[in-house]
C-alpha cells in the first residue's frame, strides 16, 4: 500500500474528508521521467525489472499532469473539484513493454531485487516495482477490494477534451 507521510491512502482520504479541509486528490500514476531511475538504468546501464514486469501500471508525463491540473482548475466549476479525486493516465503499460522501447540498446535484467551496490534506495525501488505485480501502481487500483480497474484508471482524462497525452517513449526520447 502506498503511504503519505506514514499514513496509508485510506487514512489520508479519511483525514481529507474533514469538513474544514477543502481538497482535490489527483491520481496520476508513475511520472514517465521516473522510469530510468525506477529501473536503476541511470546507475547500472541496465534496465532492471523486479519479477516479470507484465502487470500494467499508470504512467503520466509531468507536463501532462501540470497542464491537466492547470486546465481543470481554470475550466471546471469549483463544485466539480471540491473534495473529490480525479484519476488520469497518460499511458497504461508494463515495465516489460517499456524495456522493449530501448530496442536492445540496453540490457534488460529480470531480478528478485535491484542490486544494492551503487544503486541509491535500491530497497525502495525494489518495493515500488513489486507493487506493479499486484496492480497497485495503476490509478485504477482500489485498496478496499485489492483489484485494479483499468476503466477507472483514466476516468477523468476526458476533463481535458482534445488533449493528446504523451507516451513514455516520447518523454524518454525512445
Protein backbone atom coordinates (compact mmCIF):
# COMPACT_ATOMS: atom_id res chain seq x y z
CA UNK A 1 0.00 0.00 0.00
CA UNK A 2 1.29 3.44 -0.92
CA UNK A 3 1.74 5.81 2.03
CA UNK A 4 1.83 9.55 2.50
CA UNK A 5 3.91 10.72 5.46
CA UNK A 6 3.40 7.36 7.13
CA UNK A 7 -0.37 7.25 6.58
CA UNK A 8 -1.92 4.72 4.23
CA UNK A 9 -4.10 6.10 1.42
CA UNK A 10 -7.39 5.29 3.18
CA UNK A 11 -6.24 7.25 6.26
CA UNK A 12 -5.30 10.21 4.06
CA UNK A 13 -8.72 10.03 2.40
CA UNK A 14 -10.43 9.98 5.81
CA UNK A 15 -8.33 12.90 7.00
CA UNK A 16 -9.25 14.94 3.92
CA UNK A 17 -12.97 14.31 4.40
CA UNK A 18 -12.99 16.56 7.44
CA UNK A 19 -15.36 19.41 6.56
CA UNK A 20 -12.87 22.22 7.02
CA UNK A 21 -10.20 20.80 4.66
CA UNK A 22 -11.03 21.51 1.02
CA UNK A 23 -9.07 19.19 -1.22
CA UNK A 24 -8.62 17.77 -4.69
CA UNK A 25 -6.72 14.49 -5.00
CA UNK A 26 -5.08 13.81 -8.36
CA UNK A 27 -4.03 10.22 -9.04
CA UNK A 28 -1.59 10.17 -11.95
CA UNK A 29 0.47 7.00 -11.51
CA UNK A 30 4.20 6.97 -12.14
CA UNK A 31 5.79 10.01 -13.77
CA UNK A 32 7.25 8.89 -17.12
CA UNK A 33 10.50 10.68 -16.31
CA UNK A 34 10.87 8.47 -13.22
CA UNK A 35 11.24 5.19 -15.20
CA UNK A 36 15.04 5.15 -15.74
CA UNK A 37 15.57 5.79 -12.02
CA UNK A 38 13.00 3.14 -11.05
CA UNK A 39 14.74 0.54 -13.23
CA UNK A 40 18.24 1.53 -11.98
CA UNK A 41 19.17 2.27 -15.59
CA UNK A 42 20.85 5.53 -14.64
CA UNK A 43 23.35 3.87 -12.30
CA UNK A 44 23.88 0.49 -13.95
CA UNK A 45 23.34 0.95 -17.67
CA UNK A 46 20.84 -1.94 -17.43
CA UNK A 47 17.05 -1.89 -17.27
CA UNK A 48 16.21 -3.90 -14.15
CA UNK A 49 12.75 -5.39 -13.80
CA UNK A 50 11.79 -6.96 -10.49
CA UNK A 51 9.84 -10.17 -11.20
CA UNK A 52 8.14 -10.44 -14.61
CA UNK A 53 7.14 -6.82 -15.19
CA UNK A 54 3.99 -7.86 -17.05
CA UNK A 55 1.33 -6.16 -14.93
CA UNK A 56 0.13 -2.84 -16.35
CA UNK A 57 0.53 0.36 -14.42
CA UNK A 58 -0.37 4.01 -14.97
CA UNK A 59 2.26 6.35 -16.37
CA UNK A 60 1.83 10.08 -16.96
CA UNK A 61 4.30 12.75 -18.07
CA UNK A 62 4.99 15.60 -15.67
CA UNK A 63 3.95 18.28 -18.23
CA UNK A 64 0.66 16.42 -18.77
CA UNK A 65 -0.07 16.36 -15.03
CA UNK A 66 0.80 20.05 -14.63
CA UNK A 67 -1.20 21.02 -17.72
CA UNK A 68 -4.16 18.91 -16.62
CA UNK A 69 -4.28 20.47 -13.15
CA UNK A 70 -3.99 23.99 -14.62
CA UNK A 71 -6.70 23.16 -17.17
CA UNK A 72 -9.26 21.75 -14.76
CA UNK A 73 -8.66 24.49 -12.18
CA UNK A 74 -9.42 27.13 -14.81
CA UNK A 75 -12.27 25.41 -16.68
CA UNK A 76 -14.24 23.38 -14.14
CA UNK A 77 -16.67 24.86 -11.65
CA UNK A 78 -15.45 24.74 -8.04
CA UNK A 79 -18.31 22.39 -7.16
CA UNK A 80 -16.87 19.81 -9.60
CA UNK A 81 -13.43 19.95 -7.93
CA UNK A 82 -14.22 20.37 -4.25
CA UNK A 83 -13.42 17.37 -2.06
CA UNK A 84 -13.06 14.92 -4.95
CA UNK A 85 -10.45 12.74 -6.55
CA UNK A 86 -9.55 12.68 -10.23
CA UNK A 87 -7.74 9.84 -11.93
CA UNK A 88 -5.63 10.46 -15.02
CA UNK A 89 -3.43 8.16 -17.02
CA UNK A 90 -1.17 9.17 -19.87
CA UNK A 91 -0.36 5.59 -20.83
CA UNK A 92 -1.23 2.18 -19.45
CA UNK A 93 1.74 -0.11 -19.97
CA UNK A 94 4.09 -2.59 -18.30
CA UNK A 95 7.75 -2.34 -17.38
CA UNK A 96 8.48 -5.12 -19.88
CA UNK A 97 6.82 -3.12 -22.66
CA UNK A 98 8.81 -0.03 -21.67
CA UNK A 99 12.06 -2.00 -21.66
CA UNK A 100 11.29 -3.10 -25.25
CA UNK A 101 11.28 0.58 -26.30
CA UNK A 102 15.05 0.60 -25.79
CA UNK A 103 15.26 -1.87 -28.74
CA UNK A 104 18.24 -3.74 -27.37
CA UNK A 105 20.34 -0.62 -26.74
CA UNK A 106 20.48 -1.52 -23.04
CA UNK A 107 20.39 -4.98 -21.44
CA UNK A 108 17.18 -5.96 -19.66
CA UNK A 109 17.67 -7.83 -16.39
CA UNK A 110 14.84 -9.65 -14.62
CA UNK A 111 15.67 -9.98 -10.93
CA UNK A 112 14.22 -10.55 -7.48
CA UNK A 113 15.63 -7.25 -6.24
CA UNK A 114 17.61 -4.34 -7.63
CA UNK A 115 21.36 -4.50 -7.00
CA UNK A 116 22.22 -2.77 -3.74
CA UNK A 117 25.75 -1.82 -4.72
CA UNK A 118 25.89 1.58 -6.40
CA UNK A 119 22.09 1.96 -6.52
CA UNK A 120 20.76 4.53 -4.08
CA UNK A 121 17.48 3.49 -2.41
CA UNK A 122 17.58 0.07 -4.09
CA UNK A 123 15.24 -1.37 -1.46
CA UNK A 124 12.68 1.38 -2.01
CA UNK A 125 12.80 0.93 -5.79
CA UNK A 126 12.51 -2.84 -5.41
CA UNK A 127 9.48 -2.44 -3.16
CA UNK A 128 7.91 0.02 -5.59
CA UNK A 129 8.42 -2.35 -8.52
CA UNK A 130 6.85 -5.18 -6.51
CA UNK A 131 3.73 -3.02 -6.25
CA UNK A 132 3.42 -3.35 -10.03
CA UNK A 133 2.95 -7.11 -9.78
CA UNK A 134 -0.29 -6.77 -7.83
CA UNK A 135 -1.64 -3.77 -9.75
CA UNK A 136 -1.09 -1.12 -7.07
CA UNK A 137 0.74 1.21 -9.47
CA UNK A 138 -2.39 1.70 -11.54
CA UNK A 139 -4.63 4.71 -11.00
CA UNK A 140 -7.44 2.17 -11.13
CA UNK A 141 -6.22 0.37 -8.00
CA UNK A 142 -8.89 0.07 -5.33
CA UNK A 143 -7.28 -0.62 -1.93
CA UNK A 144 -10.61 -1.72 -0.47
CA UNK A 145 -11.14 -4.53 -2.99
CA UNK A 146 -7.47 -5.17 -3.78
CA UNK A 147 -8.28 -5.01 -7.50
CA UNK A 148 -7.23 -2.87 -10.45
CA UNK A 149 -9.98 -1.43 -12.64
CA UNK A 150 -8.45 -0.34 -15.96
CA UNK A 151 -11.56 1.71 -16.77
CA UNK A 152 -11.23 3.67 -13.56
CA UNK A 153 -7.53 4.45 -14.15
CA UNK A 154 -8.02 7.27 -16.66
CA UNK A 155 -11.66 8.07 -16.00
CA UNK A 156 -11.04 11.80 -15.69
CA UNK A 157 -8.80 12.23 -18.74
CA UNK A 158 -11.93 13.43 -20.54
CA UNK A 159 -11.99 16.65 -18.50
CA UNK A 160 -9.18 17.84 -20.80
CA UNK A 161 -11.01 17.47 -24.08
CA UNK A 162 -8.86 17.11 -27.17
CA UNK A 163 -5.62 16.69 -25.25
CA UNK A 164 -3.11 14.17 -26.60
CA UNK A 165 -1.29 12.53 -23.72
CA UNK A 166 2.45 11.96 -24.07
CA UNK A 167 3.71 8.38 -24.13
CA UNK A 168 6.58 7.03 -22.05
CA UNK A 169 8.59 6.57 -25.25
CA UNK A 170 8.09 10.18 -26.30
CA UNK A 171 9.08 11.52 -22.90
CA UNK A 172 12.20 9.32 -22.70
CA UNK A 173 13.15 10.05 -26.32
CA UNK A 174 12.87 6.40 -27.41
